Amino acid sequence: IWGLNSWSASYLVEERGLPIQYGGLLAIGPTLTAAVGAVIGG
Protein backbone atom coordinates (compact mmCIF):
# COMPACT_ATOMS: atom_id res chain seq x y z
CA ILE A 1 0.00 0.00 0.00
CA TRP A 2 2.60 2.55 1.00
CA GLY A 3 4.93 1.67 -1.83
CA LEU A 4 2.19 2.39 -4.37
CA ASN A 5 0.59 5.35 -2.57
CA SER A 6 3.92 7.08 -2.06
CA TRP A 7 5.41 6.72 -5.52
CA SER A 8 2.74 6.13 -8.18
CA ALA A 9 2.24 9.83 -8.88
CA SER A 10 5.98 10.49 -9.12
CA TYR A 11 6.41 7.46 -11.39
CA LEU A 12 3.71 8.62 -13.80
CA VAL A 13 5.08 12.17 -13.88
CA GLU A 14 8.76 11.24 -14.26
CA GLU A 15 8.64 8.03 -16.28
CA ARG A 16 5.43 8.34 -18.30
CA GLY A 17 5.45 12.14 -18.82
CA LEU A 18 2.11 12.78 -17.13
CA PRO A 19 1.44 16.46 -16.24
CA ILE A 20 1.49 16.81 -12.45
CA GLN A 21 -2.03 18.21 -12.24
CA TYR A 22 -3.43 14.96 -13.65
CA GLY A 23 -1.61 12.66 -11.24
CA GLY A 24 -4.35 12.88 -8.67
CA LEU A 25 -7.16 12.30 -11.16
CA LEU A 26 -5.67 8.99 -12.26
CA ALA A 27 -5.79 7.80 -8.64
CA ILE A 28 -9.61 7.86 -8.66
CA GLY A 29 -10.02 4.30 -9.97
CA PRO A 30 -7.55 2.67 -7.55
CA THR A 31 -8.96 4.53 -4.54
CA LEU A 32 -12.54 3.54 -5.32
CA THR A 33 -11.70 -0.14 -5.78
CA ALA A 34 -9.64 -0.06 -2.58
CA ALA A 35 -12.72 1.24 -0.74
CA VAL A 36 -14.88 -1.51 -2.18
CA GLY A 37 -12.23 -4.08 -1.29
CA ALA A 38 -12.07 -2.89 2.33
CA VAL A 39 -15.85 -3.14 2.75
CA ILE A 40 -16.00 -6.59 1.16
CA GLY A 41 -13.01 -7.78 3.19
CA GLY A 42 -14.71 -6.70 6.42
ModelCIF file with pLDDT and N, C-alpha, C, O atoms, coordinates in Angstrom:
data_MODEL
#
_entry.id   MODEL 
#
_entity.id                         1 
_entity.type                       polymer 
_entity.pdbx_number_of_molecules   1 
#
_entity_poly.entity_id                      1 
_entity_poly.type                           'polypeptide(L)' 
_entity_poly.nstd_linkage                   no 
_entity_poly.nstd_monomer                   no 
_entity_poly.pdbx_seq_one_letter_code       IWGLNSWSASYLVEERGLPIQYGGLLAIGPTLTAAVGAVIGG 
_entity_poly.pdbx_seq_one_letter_code_can   IWGLNSWSASYLVEERGLPIQYGGLLAIGPTLTAAVGAVIGG 
_entity_poly.pdbx_strand_id                 A 
#
loop_
_entity_poly_seq.entity_id 
_entity_poly_seq.num 
_entity_poly_seq.mon_id 
_entity_poly_seq.hetero 
1 1  ILE n 
1 2  TRP n 
1 3  GLY n 
1 4  LEU n 
1 5  ASN n 
1 6  SER n 
1 7  TRP n 
1 8  SER n 
1 9  ALA n 
1 10 SER n 
1 11 TYR n 
1 12 LEU n 
1 13 VAL n 
1 14 GLU n 
1 15 GLU n 
1 16 ARG n 
1 17 GLY n 
1 18 LEU n 
1 19 PRO n 
1 20 ILE n 
1 21 GLN n 
1 22 TYR n 
1 23 GLY n 
1 24 GLY n 
1 25 LEU n 
1 26 LEU n 
1 27 ALA n 
1 28 ILE n 
1 29 GLY n 
1 30 PRO n 
1 31 THR n 
1 32 LEU n 
1 33 THR n 
1 34 ALA n 
1 35 ALA n 
1 36 VAL n 
1 37 GLY n 
1 38 ALA n 
1 39 VAL n 
1 40 ILE n 
1 41 GLY n 
1 42 GLY n 
#
_struct_asym.id          A 
_struct_asym.entity_id   1 
#
loop_
_ma_qa_metric.id 
_ma_qa_metric.mode 
_ma_qa_metric.name 
_ma_qa_metric.software_group_id 
_ma_qa_metric.type 
1 global pLDDT . pLDDT 
2 local  pLDDT . pLDDT 
#
_ma_qa_metric_global.metric_id      1 
_ma_qa_metric_global.metric_value   78.38 
_ma_qa_metric_global.model_id       1 
_ma_qa_metric_global.ordinal_id     1 
#
loop_
_ma_qa_metric_local.label_asym_id 
_ma_qa_metric_local.label_comp_id 
_ma_qa_metric_local.label_seq_id 
_ma_qa_metric_local.metric_id 
_ma_qa_metric_local.metric_value 
_ma_qa_metric_local.model_id 
_ma_qa_metric_local.ordinal_id 
A ILE 1  2 88.00 1 1  
A TRP 2  2 83.00 1 2  
A GLY 3  2 87.00 1 3  
A LEU 4  2 85.00 1 4  
A ASN 5  2 78.00 1 5  
A SER 6  2 76.00 1 6  
A TRP 7  2 79.00 1 7  
A SER 8  2 80.00 1 8  
A ALA 9  2 76.00 1 9  
A SER 10 2 79.00 1 10 
A TYR 11 2 83.00 1 11 
A LEU 12 2 82.00 1 12 
A VAL 13 2 80.00 1 13 
A GLU 14 2 81.00 1 14 
A GLU 15 2 79.00 1 15 
A ARG 16 2 81.00 1 16 
A GLY 17 2 76.00 1 17 
A LEU 18 2 75.00 1 18 
A PRO 19 2 71.00 1 19 
A ILE 20 2 63.00 1 20 
A GLN 21 2 60.00 1 21 
A TYR 22 2 65.00 1 22 
A GLY 23 2 62.00 1 23 
A GLY 24 2 61.00 1 24 
A LEU 25 2 66.00 1 25 
A LEU 26 2 72.00 1 26 
A ALA 27 2 71.00 1 27 
A ILE 28 2 75.00 1 28 
A GLY 29 2 78.00 1 29 
A PRO 30 2 83.00 1 30 
A THR 31 2 77.00 1 31 
A LEU 32 2 82.00 1 32 
A THR 33 2 87.00 1 33 
A ALA 34 2 85.00 1 34 
A ALA 35 2 80.00 1 35 
A VAL 36 2 87.00 1 36 
A GLY 37 2 89.00 1 37 
A ALA 38 2 84.00 1 38 
A VAL 39 2 84.00 1 39 
A ILE 40 2 90.00 1 40 
A GLY 41 2 89.00 1 41 
A GLY 42 2 83.00 1 42 
#
loop_
_atom_site.group_PDB 
_atom_site.id 
_atom_site.type_symbol 
_atom_site.label_atom_id 
_atom_site.label_alt_id 
_atom_site.label_comp_id 
_atom_site.label_asym_id 
_atom_site.label_entity_id 
_atom_site.label_seq_id 
_atom_site.pdbx_PDB_ins_code 
_atom_site.Cartn_x 
_atom_site.Cartn_y 
_atom_site.Cartn_z 
_atom_site.occupancy 
_atom_site.B_iso_or_equiv 
_atom_site.pdbx_formal_charge 
_atom_site.auth_seq_id 
_atom_site.auth_comp_id 
_atom_site.auth_asym_id 
_atom_site.auth_atom_id 
_atom_site.pdbx_PDB_model_num 
ATOM 1   N N  . ILE A 1 1  ? 0.816   -1.211 0.000   1.00 88.00 ? 1  ILE A N  1 
ATOM 2   C CA . ILE A 1 1  ? 0.000   0.000  0.000   1.00 88.00 ? 1  ILE A CA 1 
ATOM 3   C C  . ILE A 1 1  ? 0.846   1.255  0.000   1.00 88.00 ? 1  ILE A C  1 
ATOM 4   O O  . ILE A 1 1  ? 0.622   2.162  -0.802  1.00 88.00 ? 1  ILE A O  1 
ATOM 5   N N  . TRP A 1 2  ? 1.832   1.311  0.912   1.00 83.00 ? 2  TRP A N  1 
ATOM 6   C CA . TRP A 1 2  ? 2.601   2.551  1.002   1.00 83.00 ? 2  TRP A CA 1 
ATOM 7   C C  . TRP A 1 2  ? 3.636   2.675  -0.101  1.00 83.00 ? 2  TRP A C  1 
ATOM 8   O O  . TRP A 1 2  ? 4.040   3.786  -0.443  1.00 83.00 ? 2  TRP A O  1 
ATOM 9   N N  . GLY A 1 3  ? 4.065   1.573  -0.657  1.00 87.00 ? 3  GLY A N  1 
ATOM 10  C CA . GLY A 1 3  ? 4.927   1.667  -1.835  1.00 87.00 ? 3  GLY A CA 1 
ATOM 11  C C  . GLY A 1 3  ? 4.194   2.310  -2.996  1.00 87.00 ? 3  GLY A C  1 
ATOM 12  O O  . GLY A 1 3  ? 4.725   3.208  -3.649  1.00 87.00 ? 3  GLY A O  1 
ATOM 13  N N  . LEU A 1 4  ? 2.967   1.851  -3.259  1.00 85.00 ? 4  LEU A N  1 
ATOM 14  C CA . LEU A 1 4  ? 2.190   2.387  -4.373  1.00 85.00 ? 4  LEU A CA 1 
ATOM 15  C C  . LEU A 1 4  ? 1.685   3.797  -4.091  1.00 85.00 ? 4  LEU A C  1 
ATOM 16  O O  . LEU A 1 4  ? 1.792   4.674  -4.948  1.00 85.00 ? 4  LEU A O  1 
ATOM 17  N N  . ASN A 1 5  ? 1.133   4.026  -2.894  1.00 78.00 ? 5  ASN A N  1 
ATOM 18  C CA . ASN A 1 5  ? 0.592   5.349  -2.570  1.00 78.00 ? 5  ASN A CA 1 
ATOM 19  C C  . ASN A 1 5  ? 1.661   6.437  -2.603  1.00 78.00 ? 5  ASN A C  1 
ATOM 20  O O  . ASN A 1 5  ? 1.396   7.569  -3.008  1.00 78.00 ? 5  ASN A O  1 
ATOM 21  N N  . SER A 1 6  ? 2.866   6.083  -2.174  1.00 76.00 ? 6  SER A N  1 
ATOM 22  C CA . SER A 1 6  ? 3.924   7.085  -2.056  1.00 76.00 ? 6  SER A CA 1 
ATOM 23  C C  . SER A 1 6  ? 4.548   7.453  -3.392  1.00 76.00 ? 6  SER A C  1 
ATOM 24  O O  . SER A 1 6  ? 4.999   8.584  -3.570  1.00 76.00 ? 6  SER A O  1 
ATOM 25  N N  . TRP A 1 7  ? 4.582   6.507  -4.341  1.00 79.00 ? 7  TRP A N  1 
ATOM 26  C CA . TRP A 1 7  ? 5.410   6.717  -5.524  1.00 79.00 ? 7  TRP A CA 1 
ATOM 27  C C  . TRP A 1 7  ? 4.694   6.641  -6.862  1.00 79.00 ? 7  TRP A C  1 
ATOM 28  O O  . TRP A 1 7  ? 5.301   6.942  -7.890  1.00 79.00 ? 7  TRP A O  1 
ATOM 29  N N  . SER A 1 8  ? 3.427   6.249  -6.886  1.00 80.00 ? 8  SER A N  1 
ATOM 30  C CA . SER A 1 8  ? 2.743   6.125  -8.182  1.00 80.00 ? 8  SER A CA 1 
ATOM 31  C C  . SER A 1 8  ? 2.684   7.450  -8.928  1.00 80.00 ? 8  SER A C  1 
ATOM 32  O O  . SER A 1 8  ? 2.951   7.503  -10.129 1.00 80.00 ? 8  SER A O  1 
ATOM 33  N N  . ALA A 1 9  ? 2.333   8.527  -8.214  1.00 76.00 ? 9  ALA A N  1 
ATOM 34  C CA . ALA A 1 9  ? 2.237   9.827  -8.884  1.00 76.00 ? 9  ALA A CA 1 
ATOM 35  C C  . ALA A 1 9  ? 3.589   10.263 -9.438  1.00 76.00 ? 9  ALA A C  1 
ATOM 36  O O  . ALA A 1 9  ? 3.670   10.737 -10.571 1.00 76.00 ? 9  ALA A O  1 
ATOM 37  N N  . SER A 1 10 ? 4.645   10.110 -8.651  1.00 79.00 ? 10 SER A N  1 
ATOM 38  C CA . SER A 1 10 ? 5.979   10.488 -9.117  1.00 79.00 ? 10 SER A CA 1 
ATOM 39  C C  . SER A 1 10 ? 6.400   9.647  -10.315 1.00 79.00 ? 10 SER A C  1 
ATOM 40  O O  . SER A 1 10 ? 7.012   10.157 -11.254 1.00 79.00 ? 10 SER A O  1 
ATOM 41  N N  . TYR A 1 11 ? 6.071   8.352  -10.281 1.00 83.00 ? 11 TYR A N  1 
ATOM 42  C CA . TYR A 1 11 ? 6.410   7.459  -11.391 1.00 83.00 ? 11 TYR A CA 1 
ATOM 43  C C  . TYR A 1 11 ? 5.734   7.915  -12.688 1.00 83.00 ? 11 TYR A C  1 
ATOM 44  O O  . TYR A 1 11 ? 6.371   7.989  -13.739 1.00 83.00 ? 11 TYR A O  1 
ATOM 45  N N  . LEU A 1 12 ? 4.445   8.215  -12.597 1.00 82.00 ? 12 LEU A N  1 
ATOM 46  C CA . LEU A 1 12 ? 3.714   8.620  -13.798 1.00 82.00 ? 12 LEU A CA 1 
ATOM 47  C C  . LEU A 1 12 ? 4.213   9.956  -14.338 1.00 82.00 ? 12 LEU A C  1 
ATOM 48  O O  . LEU A 1 12 ? 4.273   10.151 -15.552 1.00 82.00 ? 12 LEU A O  1 
ATOM 49  N N  . VAL A 1 13 ? 4.571   10.874 -13.446 1.00 80.00 ? 13 VAL A N  1 
ATOM 50  C CA . VAL A 1 13 ? 5.083   12.171 -13.876 1.00 80.00 ? 13 VAL A CA 1 
ATOM 51  C C  . VAL A 1 13 ? 6.466   12.041 -14.497 1.00 80.00 ? 13 VAL A C  1 
ATOM 52  O O  . VAL A 1 13 ? 6.725   12.612 -15.556 1.00 80.00 ? 13 VAL A O  1 
ATOM 53  N N  . GLU A 1 14 ? 7.366   11.287 -13.843 1.00 81.00 ? 14 GLU A N  1 
ATOM 54  C CA . GLU A 1 14 ? 8.763   11.242 -14.260 1.00 81.00 ? 14 GLU A CA 1 
ATOM 55  C C  . GLU A 1 14 ? 9.042   10.227 -15.367 1.00 81.00 ? 14 GLU A C  1 
ATOM 56  O O  . GLU A 1 14 ? 9.860   10.474 -16.253 1.00 81.00 ? 14 GLU A O  1 
ATOM 57  N N  . GLU A 1 15 ? 8.358   9.090  -15.311 1.00 79.00 ? 15 GLU A N  1 
ATOM 58  C CA . GLU A 1 15 ? 8.643   8.026  -16.280 1.00 79.00 ? 15 GLU A CA 1 
ATOM 59  C C  . GLU A 1 15 ? 7.680   8.017  -17.464 1.00 79.00 ? 15 GLU A C  1 
ATOM 60  O O  . GLU A 1 15 ? 8.069   7.661  -18.577 1.00 79.00 ? 15 GLU A O  1 
ATOM 61  N N  . ARG A 1 16 ? 6.439   8.401  -17.235 1.00 81.00 ? 16 ARG A N  1 
ATOM 62  C CA . ARG A 1 16 ? 5.433   8.341  -18.299 1.00 81.00 ? 16 ARG A CA 1 
ATOM 63  C C  . ARG A 1 16 ? 5.076   9.722  -18.856 1.00 81.00 ? 16 ARG A C  1 
ATOM 64  O O  . ARG A 1 16 ? 4.270   9.826  -19.780 1.00 81.00 ? 16 ARG A O  1 
ATOM 65  N N  . GLY A 1 17 ? 5.677   10.797 -18.292 1.00 76.00 ? 17 GLY A N  1 
ATOM 66  C CA . GLY A 1 17 ? 5.453   12.138 -18.822 1.00 76.00 ? 17 GLY A CA 1 
ATOM 67  C C  . GLY A 1 17 ? 4.088   12.728 -18.528 1.00 76.00 ? 17 GLY A C  1 
ATOM 68  O O  . GLY A 1 17 ? 3.624   13.601 -19.262 1.00 76.00 ? 17 GLY A O  1 
ATOM 69  N N  . LEU A 1 18 ? 3.437   12.271 -17.472 1.00 75.00 ? 18 LEU A N  1 
ATOM 70  C CA . LEU A 1 18 ? 2.114   12.777 -17.132 1.00 75.00 ? 18 LEU A CA 1 
ATOM 71  C C  . LEU A 1 18 ? 2.226   14.154 -16.486 1.00 75.00 ? 18 LEU A C  1 
ATOM 72  O O  . LEU A 1 18 ? 3.040   14.322 -15.578 1.00 75.00 ? 18 LEU A O  1 
ATOM 73  N N  . PRO A 1 19 ? 1.439   15.155 -16.917 1.00 71.00 ? 19 PRO A N  1 
ATOM 74  C CA . PRO A 1 19 ? 1.439   16.458 -16.242 1.00 71.00 ? 19 PRO A CA 1 
ATOM 75  C C  . PRO A 1 19 ? 1.027   16.296 -14.777 1.00 71.00 ? 19 PRO A C  1 
ATOM 76  O O  . PRO A 1 19 ? 0.127   15.515 -14.470 1.00 71.00 ? 19 PRO A O  1 
ATOM 77  N N  . ILE A 1 20 ? 1.673   17.023 -13.886 1.00 63.00 ? 20 ILE A N  1 
ATOM 78  C CA . ILE A 1 20 ? 1.490   16.807 -12.453 1.00 63.00 ? 20 ILE A CA 1 
ATOM 79  C C  . ILE A 1 20 ? 0.053   17.030 -12.002 1.00 63.00 ? 20 ILE A C  1 
ATOM 80  O O  . ILE A 1 20 ? -0.407  16.387 -11.059 1.00 63.00 ? 20 ILE A O  1 
ATOM 81  N N  . GLN A 1 21 ? -0.664  17.943 -12.672 1.00 60.00 ? 21 GLN A N  1 
ATOM 82  C CA . GLN A 1 21 ? -2.030  18.214 -12.237 1.00 60.00 ? 21 GLN A CA 1 
ATOM 83  C C  . GLN A 1 21 ? -2.984  17.065 -12.515 1.00 60.00 ? 21 GLN A C  1 
ATOM 84  O O  . GLN A 1 21 ? -4.088  17.041 -11.970 1.00 60.00 ? 21 GLN A O  1 
ATOM 85  N N  . TYR A 1 22 ? -2.584  16.106 -13.353 1.00 65.00 ? 22 TYR A N  1 
ATOM 86  C CA . TYR A 1 22 ? -3.431  14.957 -13.654 1.00 65.00 ? 22 TYR A CA 1 
ATOM 87  C C  . TYR A 1 22 ? -3.092  13.739 -12.805 1.00 65.00 ? 22 TYR A C  1 
ATOM 88  O O  . TYR A 1 22 ? -3.809  12.739 -12.846 1.00 65.00 ? 22 TYR A O  1 
ATOM 89  N N  . GLY A 1 23 ? -2.019  13.810 -12.045 1.00 62.00 ? 23 GLY A N  1 
ATOM 90  C CA . GLY A 1 23 ? -1.608  12.662 -11.244 1.00 62.00 ? 23 GLY A CA 1 
ATOM 91  C C  . GLY A 1 23 ? -2.667  12.237 -10.253 1.00 62.00 ? 23 GLY A C  1 
ATOM 92  O O  . GLY A 1 23 ? -2.897  11.045 -10.051 1.00 62.00 ? 23 GLY A O  1 
ATOM 93  N N  . GLY A 1 24 ? -3.316  13.217 -9.631  1.00 61.00 ? 24 GLY A N  1 
ATOM 94  C CA . GLY A 1 24 ? -4.351  12.884 -8.671  1.00 61.00 ? 24 GLY A CA 1 
ATOM 95  C C  . GLY A 1 24 ? -5.596  12.299 -9.310  1.00 61.00 ? 24 GLY A C  1 
ATOM 96  O O  . GLY A 1 24 ? -6.232  11.414 -8.739  1.00 61.00 ? 24 GLY A O  1 
ATOM 97  N N  . LEU A 1 25 ? -5.946  12.785 -10.487 1.00 66.00 ? 25 LEU A N  1 
ATOM 98  C CA . LEU A 1 25 ? -7.155  12.300 -11.157 1.00 66.00 ? 25 LEU A CA 1 
ATOM 99  C C  . LEU A 1 25 ? -7.042  10.831 -11.523 1.00 66.00 ? 25 LEU A C  1 
ATOM 100 O O  . LEU A 1 25 ? -8.034  10.103 -11.485 1.00 66.00 ? 25 LEU A O  1 
ATOM 101 N N  . LEU A 1 26 ? -5.844  10.388 -11.879 1.00 72.00 ? 26 LEU A N  1 
ATOM 102 C CA . LEU A 1 26 ? -5.668  8.992  -12.261 1.00 72.00 ? 26 LEU A CA 1 
ATOM 103 C C  . LEU A 1 26 ? -5.686  8.060  -11.051 1.00 72.00 ? 26 LEU A C  1 
ATOM 104 O O  . LEU A 1 26 ? -5.692  6.839  -11.208 1.00 72.00 ? 26 LEU A O  1 
ATOM 105 N N  . ALA A 1 27 ? -5.695  8.631  -9.845  1.00 71.00 ? 27 ALA A N  1 
ATOM 106 C CA . ALA A 1 27 ? -5.794  7.797  -8.641  1.00 71.00 ? 27 ALA A CA 1 
ATOM 107 C C  . ALA A 1 27 ? -7.237  7.488  -8.277  1.00 71.00 ? 27 ALA A C  1 
ATOM 108 O O  . ALA A 1 27 ? -7.482  6.746  -7.327  1.00 71.00 ? 27 ALA A O  1 
ATOM 109 N N  . ILE A 1 28 ? -8.203  8.042  -9.013  1.00 75.00 ? 28 ILE A N  1 
ATOM 110 C CA . ILE A 1 28 ? -9.608  7.859  -8.659  1.00 75.00 ? 28 ILE A CA 1 
ATOM 111 C C  . ILE A 1 28 ? -10.001 6.384  -8.723  1.00 75.00 ? 28 ILE A C  1 
ATOM 112 O O  . ILE A 1 28 ? -10.608 5.866  -7.787  1.00 75.00 ? 28 ILE A O  1 
ATOM 113 N N  . GLY A 1 29 ? -9.660  5.704  -9.819  1.00 78.00 ? 29 GLY A N  1 
ATOM 114 C CA . GLY A 1 29 ? -10.018 4.297  -9.966  1.00 78.00 ? 29 GLY A CA 1 
ATOM 115 C C  . GLY A 1 29 ? -9.444  3.422  -8.865  1.00 78.00 ? 29 GLY A C  1 
ATOM 116 O O  . GLY A 1 29 ? -10.192 2.685  -8.224  1.00 78.00 ? 29 GLY A O  1 
ATOM 117 N N  . PRO A 1 30 ? -8.130  3.480  -8.624  1.00 83.00 ? 30 PRO A N  1 
ATOM 118 C CA . PRO A 1 30 ? -7.547  2.667  -7.550  1.00 83.00 ? 30 PRO A CA 1 
ATOM 119 C C  . PRO A 1 30 ? -8.136  2.961  -6.173  1.00 83.00 ? 30 PRO A C  1 
ATOM 120 O O  . PRO A 1 30 ? -8.333  2.035  -5.385  1.00 83.00 ? 30 PRO A O  1 
ATOM 121 N N  . THR A 1 31 ? -8.421  4.220  -5.865  1.00 77.00 ? 31 THR A N  1 
ATOM 122 C CA . THR A 1 31 ? -8.958  4.525  -4.540  1.00 77.00 ? 31 THR A CA 1 
ATOM 123 C C  . THR A 1 31 ? -10.376 3.995  -4.367  1.00 77.00 ? 31 THR A C  1 
ATOM 124 O O  . THR A 1 31 ? -10.736 3.530  -3.286  1.00 77.00 ? 31 THR A O  1 
ATOM 125 N N  . LEU A 1 32 ? -11.181 4.060  -5.421  1.00 82.00 ? 32 LEU A N  1 
ATOM 126 C CA . LEU A 1 32 ? -12.545 3.543  -5.324  1.00 82.00 ? 32 LEU A CA 1 
ATOM 127 C C  . LEU A 1 32 ? -12.554 2.028  -5.156  1.00 82.00 ? 32 LEU A C  1 
ATOM 128 O O  . LEU A 1 32 ? -13.312 1.500  -4.342  1.00 82.00 ? 32 LEU A O  1 
ATOM 129 N N  . THR A 1 33 ? -11.720 1.325  -5.918  1.00 87.00 ? 33 THR A N  1 
ATOM 130 C CA . THR A 1 33 ? -11.701 -0.137 -5.779  1.00 87.00 ? 33 THR A CA 1 
ATOM 131 C C  . THR A 1 33 ? -11.109 -0.550 -4.435  1.00 87.00 ? 33 THR A C  1 
ATOM 132 O O  . THR A 1 33 ? -11.502 -1.575 -3.876  1.00 87.00 ? 33 THR A O  1 
ATOM 133 N N  . ALA A 1 34 ? -10.168 0.235  -3.910  1.00 85.00 ? 34 ALA A N  1 
ATOM 134 C CA . ALA A 1 34 ? -9.637  -0.062 -2.580  1.00 85.00 ? 34 ALA A CA 1 
ATOM 135 C C  . ALA A 1 34 ? -10.729 0.067  -1.525  1.00 85.00 ? 34 ALA A C  1 
ATOM 136 O O  . ALA A 1 34 ? -10.782 -0.725 -0.585  1.00 85.00 ? 34 ALA A O  1 
ATOM 137 N N  . ALA A 1 35 ? -11.610 1.075  -1.680  1.00 80.00 ? 35 ALA A N  1 
ATOM 138 C CA . ALA A 1 35 ? -12.716 1.245  -0.741  1.00 80.00 ? 35 ALA A CA 1 
ATOM 139 C C  . ALA A 1 35 ? -13.667 0.062  -0.806  1.00 80.00 ? 35 ALA A C  1 
ATOM 140 O O  . ALA A 1 35 ? -14.089 -0.461 0.225   1.00 80.00 ? 35 ALA A O  1 
ATOM 141 N N  . VAL A 1 36 ? -13.999 -0.353 -2.007  1.00 87.00 ? 36 VAL A N  1 
ATOM 142 C CA . VAL A 1 36 ? -14.882 -1.508 -2.177  1.00 87.00 ? 36 VAL A CA 1 
ATOM 143 C C  . VAL A 1 36 ? -14.235 -2.758 -1.584  1.00 87.00 ? 36 VAL A C  1 
ATOM 144 O O  . VAL A 1 36 ? -14.897 -3.554 -0.918  1.00 87.00 ? 36 VAL A O  1 
ATOM 145 N N  . GLY A 1 37 ? -12.942 -2.923 -1.831  1.00 89.00 ? 37 GLY A N  1 
ATOM 146 C CA . GLY A 1 37 ? -12.225 -4.082 -1.288  1.00 89.00 ? 37 GLY A CA 1 
ATOM 147 C C  . GLY A 1 37 ? -12.239 -4.107 0.228   1.00 89.00 ? 37 GLY A C  1 
ATOM 148 O O  . GLY A 1 37 ? -12.401 -5.171 0.827   1.00 89.00 ? 37 GLY A O  1 
ATOM 149 N N  . ALA A 1 38 ? -12.069 -2.942 0.865   1.00 84.00 ? 38 ALA A N  1 
ATOM 150 C CA . ALA A 1 38 ? -12.070 -2.891 2.328   1.00 84.00 ? 38 ALA A CA 1 
ATOM 151 C C  . ALA A 1 38 ? -13.434 -3.290 2.891   1.00 84.00 ? 38 ALA A C  1 
ATOM 152 O O  . ALA A 1 38 ? -13.510 -4.033 3.870   1.00 84.00 ? 38 ALA A O  1 
ATOM 153 N N  . VAL A 1 39 ? -14.505 -2.800 2.275   1.00 84.00 ? 39 VAL A N  1 
ATOM 154 C CA . VAL A 1 39 ? -15.851 -3.141 2.751   1.00 84.00 ? 39 VAL A CA 1 
ATOM 155 C C  . VAL A 1 39 ? -16.117 -4.636 2.579   1.00 84.00 ? 39 VAL A C  1 
ATOM 156 O O  . VAL A 1 39 ? -16.618 -5.292 3.492   1.00 84.00 ? 39 VAL A O  1 
ATOM 157 N N  . ILE A 1 40 ? -15.780 -5.167 1.408   1.00 90.00 ? 40 ILE A N  1 
ATOM 158 C CA . ILE A 1 40 ? -16.001 -6.592 1.159   1.00 90.00 ? 40 ILE A CA 1 
ATOM 159 C C  . ILE A 1 40 ? -15.142 -7.448 2.084   1.00 90.00 ? 40 ILE A C  1 
ATOM 160 O O  . ILE A 1 40 ? -15.605 -8.466 2.598   1.00 90.00 ? 40 ILE A O  1 
ATOM 161 N N  . GLY A 1 41 ? -13.884 -7.034 2.297   1.00 89.00 ? 41 GLY A N  1 
ATOM 162 C CA . GLY A 1 41 ? -13.009 -7.781 3.193   1.00 89.00 ? 41 GLY A CA 1 
ATOM 163 C C  . GLY A 1 41 ? -13.541 -7.834 4.610   1.00 89.00 ? 41 GLY A C  1 
ATOM 164 O O  . GLY A 1 41 ? -13.435 -8.865 5.274   1.00 89.00 ? 41 GLY A O  1 
ATOM 165 N N  . GLY A 1 42 ? -14.123 -6.715 5.092   1.00 83.00 ? 42 GLY A N  1 
ATOM 166 C CA . GLY A 1 42 ? -14.712 -6.703 6.416   1.00 83.00 ? 42 GLY A CA 1 
ATOM 167 C C  . GLY A 1 42 ? -15.934 -7.588 6.506   1.00 83.00 ? 42 GLY A C  1 
ATOM 168 O O  . GLY A 1 42 ? -16.548 -7.685 7.568   1.00 83.00 ? 42 GLY A O  1 
#
